[in-house]
Amino acid sequence: MSKFIDIGPGGNDLEDLITSIVRHPGLYAGSSNFSGVAAFIQGFAFSSREMFEELREFNRWLIEKFQSDTDLGWASAIEAAYPESTDALREFGKLYEEFRRS
């Protein structure tokens, strides 16, 4: 049985969205390119204040985790740490999961 993400009113589970996208990036973003996936997630998050705020918290968490003195934005920070798109996508999923557990 497959799990569908509720993207209608009230459907704002960013964690489910990210988990699904990391597993099947082409299905959501049209390719497996991390930049495209990040753009899709950013755009989707703008549809919900709650999701947008969660991405902002994830960004703050990444700044601390990477001990960065600049705010590149979460996608740029991940791309800087993992220049290969496939590595960035894989690590993004792991980093987001770690963030959610923190």
N, C-alpha and C. Protein backbone atom coordinates (compact mmCIF):
# COMPACT_ATOMS: atom_id res chain seq x y z
N MET A 1 0.85 -1.17 0.00
CA MET A 1 0.00 0.00 0.00
C MET A 1 0.90 1.23 0.00
N SER A 2 0.63 2.16 -0.87
CA SER A 2 1.45 3.38 -0.94
C SER A 2 0.84 4.45 -0.04
N LYS A 3 1.69 5.34 0.38
CA LYS A 3 1.26 6.44 1.23
C LYS A 3 1.27 7.71 0.40
N PHE A 4 0.17 8.42 0.37
CA PHE A 4 0.08 9.66 -0.36
C PHE A 4 0.20 10.82 0.62
N ILE A 5 0.81 11.88 0.15
CA ILE A 5 0.96 13.08 0.97
C ILE A 5 -0.24 13.97 0.70
N ASP A 6 -0.88 14.41 1.75
CA ASP A 6 -2.02 15.30 1.63
C ASP A 6 -1.51 16.71 1.39
N ILE A 7 -1.67 17.19 0.16
CA ILE A 7 -1.20 18.53 -0.13
C ILE A 7 -2.36 19.52 -0.23
N GLY A 8 -3.51 19.09 0.20
CA GLY A 8 -4.66 19.98 0.21
C GLY A 8 -4.65 20.83 1.47
N PRO A 9 -5.74 21.51 1.74
CA PRO A 9 -5.82 22.34 2.94
C PRO A 9 -5.50 21.52 4.19
N GLY A 10 -4.59 22.02 4.98
CA GLY A 10 -4.22 21.34 6.20
C GLY A 10 -3.13 20.29 6.02
N GLY A 11 -2.83 19.91 4.80
CA GLY A 11 -1.80 18.92 4.56
C GLY A 11 -0.45 19.60 4.49
N ASN A 12 0.31 19.53 5.57
CA ASN A 12 1.56 20.27 5.60
C ASN A 12 2.67 19.50 6.28
N ASP A 13 2.73 18.21 6.06
CA ASP A 13 3.75 17.42 6.71
C ASP A 13 5.03 17.43 5.89
N LEU A 14 5.89 18.36 6.20
CA LEU A 14 7.14 18.53 5.47
C LEU A 14 8.02 17.30 5.60
N GLU A 15 8.00 16.67 6.75
CA GLU A 15 8.82 15.47 6.96
C GLU A 15 8.43 14.37 5.98
N ASP A 16 7.15 14.12 5.81
CA ASP A 16 6.70 13.10 4.84
C ASP A 16 7.09 13.49 3.43
N LEU A 17 6.94 14.76 3.10
CA LEU A 17 7.29 15.23 1.77
C LEU A 17 8.77 14.99 1.50
N ILE A 18 9.62 15.38 2.41
CA ILE A 18 11.07 15.23 2.21
C ILE A 18 11.45 13.76 2.12
N THR A 19 10.88 12.94 2.98
CA THR A 19 11.17 11.51 2.93
C THR A 19 10.79 10.93 1.57
N SER A 20 9.62 11.29 1.07
CA SER A 20 9.18 10.80 -0.24
C SER A 20 10.05 11.31 -1.37
N ILE A 21 10.42 12.58 -1.32
CA ILE A 21 11.24 13.16 -2.38
C ILE A 21 12.63 12.54 -2.41
N VAL A 22 13.22 12.30 -1.25
CA VAL A 22 14.55 11.69 -1.21
C VAL A 22 14.49 10.29 -1.82
N ARG A 23 13.41 9.57 -1.59
CA ARG A 23 13.26 8.22 -2.15
C ARG A 23 12.99 8.24 -3.65
N HIS A 24 12.20 9.20 -4.11
CA HIS A 24 11.78 9.26 -5.51
C HIS A 24 11.86 10.69 -6.04
N PRO A 25 13.06 11.25 -6.14
CA PRO A 25 13.17 12.67 -6.51
C PRO A 25 12.59 13.00 -7.89
N GLY A 26 12.77 12.13 -8.84
CA GLY A 26 12.27 12.40 -10.19
C GLY A 26 10.76 12.49 -10.25
N LEU A 27 10.09 11.76 -9.40
CA LEU A 27 8.63 11.77 -9.36
C LEU A 27 8.09 13.14 -8.96
N TYR A 28 8.80 13.81 -8.08
CA TYR A 28 8.34 15.10 -7.56
C TYR A 28 8.99 16.29 -8.28
N ALA A 29 10.31 16.20 -8.48
CA ALA A 29 11.05 17.35 -9.00
C ALA A 29 11.42 17.21 -10.48
N GLY A 30 11.10 16.09 -11.08
CA GLY A 30 11.40 15.91 -12.50
C GLY A 30 12.80 15.39 -12.78
N SER A 31 13.66 15.38 -11.77
CA SER A 31 15.01 14.84 -11.93
C SER A 31 15.56 14.48 -10.55
N SER A 32 16.73 13.86 -10.55
CA SER A 32 17.38 13.52 -9.29
C SER A 32 18.43 14.55 -8.90
N ASN A 33 18.42 15.68 -9.56
CA ASN A 33 19.38 16.74 -9.29
C ASN A 33 19.02 17.43 -7.98
N PHE A 34 19.98 17.54 -7.06
CA PHE A 34 19.69 18.13 -5.75
C PHE A 34 19.18 19.56 -5.87
N SER A 35 19.74 20.33 -6.76
CA SER A 35 19.29 21.73 -6.91
C SER A 35 17.81 21.79 -7.28
N GLY A 36 17.39 20.91 -8.17
CA GLY A 36 15.99 20.87 -8.57
C GLY A 36 15.09 20.43 -7.43
N VAL A 37 15.55 19.44 -6.69
CA VAL A 37 14.79 18.96 -5.53
C VAL A 37 14.67 20.06 -4.49
N ALA A 38 15.77 20.76 -4.22
CA ALA A 38 15.75 21.84 -3.24
C ALA A 38 14.80 22.95 -3.68
N ALA A 39 14.81 23.29 -4.96
CA ALA A 39 13.91 24.33 -5.47
C ALA A 39 12.45 23.90 -5.31
N PHE A 40 12.17 22.63 -5.59
CA PHE A 40 10.81 22.12 -5.43
C PHE A 40 10.36 22.24 -3.97
N ILE A 41 11.22 21.81 -3.05
CA ILE A 41 10.89 21.85 -1.63
C ILE A 41 10.69 23.29 -1.16
N GLN A 42 11.56 24.19 -1.59
CA GLN A 42 11.41 25.61 -1.23
C GLN A 42 10.07 26.15 -1.72
N GLY A 43 9.76 25.88 -2.97
CA GLY A 43 8.50 26.36 -3.52
C GLY A 43 7.30 25.77 -2.82
N PHE A 44 7.36 24.48 -2.53
CA PHE A 44 6.26 23.83 -1.83
C PHE A 44 6.10 24.41 -0.44
N ALA A 45 7.22 24.66 0.24
CA ALA A 45 7.17 25.18 1.61
C ALA A 45 6.56 26.57 1.68
N PHE A 46 6.66 27.34 0.60
CA PHE A 46 6.05 28.67 0.59
C PHE A 46 4.53 28.60 0.68
N SER A 47 3.97 27.43 0.41
CA SER A 47 2.51 27.30 0.46
C SER A 47 1.98 27.20 1.88
N SER A 48 2.88 27.01 2.83
CA SER A 48 2.45 26.84 4.22
C SER A 48 3.41 27.56 5.15
N ARG A 49 2.89 28.41 5.97
CA ARG A 49 3.73 29.13 6.93
C ARG A 49 4.46 28.14 7.85
N GLU A 50 3.76 27.09 8.25
CA GLU A 50 4.35 26.08 9.13
C GLU A 50 5.55 25.39 8.46
N MET A 51 5.39 25.00 7.21
CA MET A 51 6.50 24.35 6.51
C MET A 51 7.65 25.32 6.29
N PHE A 52 7.32 26.55 5.93
CA PHE A 52 8.36 27.56 5.71
C PHE A 52 9.16 27.79 6.98
N GLU A 53 8.48 27.89 8.11
CA GLU A 53 9.15 28.09 9.39
C GLU A 53 10.01 26.88 9.75
N GLU A 54 9.53 25.69 9.44
CA GLU A 54 10.31 24.50 9.72
C GLU A 54 11.60 24.49 8.90
N LEU A 55 11.53 24.90 7.65
CA LEU A 55 12.75 24.99 6.83
C LEU A 55 13.70 26.04 7.40
N ARG A 56 13.17 27.13 7.92
CA ARG A 56 14.02 28.14 8.55
C ARG A 56 14.73 27.57 9.78
N GLU A 57 14.01 26.78 10.56
CA GLU A 57 14.62 26.14 11.73
C GLU A 57 15.69 25.13 11.29
N PHE A 58 15.41 24.40 10.22
CA PHE A 58 16.39 23.45 9.67
C PHE A 58 17.64 24.20 9.24
N ASN A 59 17.45 25.35 8.62
CA ASN A 59 18.58 26.17 8.19
C ASN A 59 19.43 26.61 9.39
N ARG A 60 18.78 27.07 10.44
CA ARG A 60 19.51 27.48 11.65
C ARG A 60 20.27 26.29 12.26
N TRP A 61 19.63 25.15 12.26
CA TRP A 61 20.25 23.95 12.79
C TRP A 61 21.49 23.57 11.97
N LEU A 62 21.39 23.67 10.63
CA LEU A 62 22.53 23.35 9.77
C LEU A 62 23.70 24.31 10.02
N ILE A 63 23.41 25.58 10.23
CA ILE A 63 24.47 26.55 10.51
C ILE A 63 25.26 26.11 11.74
N GLU A 64 24.54 25.68 12.76
CA GLU A 64 25.21 25.20 13.97
C GLU A 64 25.96 23.90 13.71
N LYS A 65 25.33 22.98 13.02
CA LYS A 65 25.94 21.67 12.76
C LYS A 65 27.21 21.81 11.94
N PHE A 66 27.18 22.63 10.90
CA PHE A 66 28.34 22.81 10.04
C PHE A 66 29.30 23.86 10.60
N GLN A 67 28.94 24.45 11.75
CA GLN A 67 29.74 25.49 12.39
C GLN A 67 30.11 26.59 11.39
N SER A 68 29.09 27.03 10.71
CA SER A 68 29.26 28.05 9.67
C SER A 68 29.07 29.45 10.26
N ASP A 69 29.83 30.38 9.77
CA ASP A 69 29.66 31.76 10.21
C ASP A 69 28.87 32.57 9.19
N THR A 70 28.42 31.92 8.13
CA THR A 70 27.57 32.58 7.14
C THR A 70 26.29 31.79 6.95
N ASP A 71 25.26 32.47 6.52
CA ASP A 71 23.98 31.83 6.27
C ASP A 71 23.79 31.70 4.76
N LEU A 72 24.25 30.57 4.23
CA LEU A 72 24.12 30.33 2.80
C LEU A 72 22.72 29.90 2.41
N GLY A 73 21.94 29.49 3.38
CA GLY A 73 20.67 28.85 3.09
C GLY A 73 20.89 27.35 3.13
N TRP A 74 19.88 26.62 3.53
CA TRP A 74 20.05 25.18 3.75
C TRP A 74 20.51 24.44 2.51
N ALA A 75 19.96 24.74 1.36
CA ALA A 75 20.35 24.01 0.14
C ALA A 75 21.79 24.31 -0.24
N SER A 76 22.17 25.56 -0.20
CA SER A 76 23.55 25.93 -0.54
C SER A 76 24.54 25.35 0.45
N ALA A 77 24.18 25.31 1.72
CA ALA A 77 25.07 24.73 2.73
C ALA A 77 25.29 23.24 2.47
N ILE A 78 24.23 22.54 2.11
CA ILE A 78 24.36 21.11 1.81
C ILE A 78 25.18 20.91 0.55
N GLU A 79 24.93 21.71 -0.48
CA GLU A 79 25.71 21.60 -1.72
C GLU A 79 27.18 21.91 -1.49
N ALA A 80 27.48 22.84 -0.60
CA ALA A 80 28.87 23.17 -0.30
C ALA A 80 29.56 22.01 0.41
N ALA A 81 28.82 21.33 1.29
CA ALA A 81 29.39 20.21 2.03
C ALA A 81 29.46 18.93 1.19
N TYR A 82 28.53 18.79 0.25
CA TYR A 82 28.44 17.58 -0.59
C TYR A 82 28.27 18.02 -2.04
N PRO A 83 29.38 18.29 -2.74
CA PRO A 83 29.31 18.83 -4.10
C PRO A 83 28.65 17.91 -5.13
N GLU A 84 28.73 16.60 -4.93
CA GLU A 84 28.07 15.68 -5.87
C GLU A 84 26.57 15.65 -5.56
N SER A 85 25.76 15.84 -6.58
CA SER A 85 24.32 15.94 -6.41
C SER A 85 23.73 14.70 -5.72
N THR A 86 24.17 13.51 -6.10
CA THR A 86 23.63 12.30 -5.48
C THR A 86 23.99 12.23 -4.00
N ASP A 87 25.20 12.65 -3.66
CA ASP A 87 25.62 12.68 -2.26
C ASP A 87 24.80 13.72 -1.49
N ALA A 88 24.61 14.88 -2.10
CA ALA A 88 23.85 15.96 -1.44
C ALA A 88 22.42 15.50 -1.15
N LEU A 89 21.80 14.82 -2.11
CA LEU A 89 20.43 14.36 -1.92
C LEU A 89 20.36 13.31 -0.80
N ARG A 90 21.28 12.36 -0.83
CA ARG A 90 21.30 11.31 0.19
C ARG A 90 21.53 11.92 1.58
N GLU A 91 22.52 12.81 1.69
CA GLU A 91 22.85 13.41 2.97
C GLU A 91 21.77 14.36 3.45
N PHE A 92 21.10 15.02 2.53
CA PHE A 92 19.98 15.88 2.90
C PHE A 92 18.94 15.09 3.68
N GLY A 93 18.58 13.92 3.17
CA GLY A 93 17.62 13.08 3.88
C GLY A 93 18.10 12.72 5.28
N LYS A 94 19.36 12.38 5.39
CA LYS A 94 19.93 12.02 6.70
C LYS A 94 19.97 13.23 7.64
N LEU A 95 20.39 14.37 7.09
CA LEU A 95 20.48 15.58 7.90
C LEU A 95 19.10 16.03 8.39
N TYR A 96 18.11 15.96 7.52
CA TYR A 96 16.78 16.38 7.92
C TYR A 96 16.23 15.45 9.01
N GLU A 97 16.49 14.16 8.85
CA GLU A 97 16.05 13.20 9.87
C GLU A 97 16.73 13.49 11.21
N GLU A 98 18.01 13.78 11.16
CA GLU A 98 18.76 14.12 12.38
C GLU A 98 18.19 15.38 13.02
N PHE A 99 17.89 16.37 12.19
CA PHE A 99 17.29 17.61 12.67
C PHE A 99 15.96 17.33 13.39
N ARG A 100 15.14 16.50 12.80
CA ARG A 100 13.83 16.19 13.40
C ARG A 100 13.96 15.47 14.74
N ARG A 101 15.03 14.71 14.91
CA ARG A 101 15.24 13.99 16.17
C ARG A 101 15.86 14.89 17.24
N SER A 102 16.41 16.02 16.82
CA SER A 102 17.12 16.88 17.79
C SER A 102 16.17 17.73 18.61
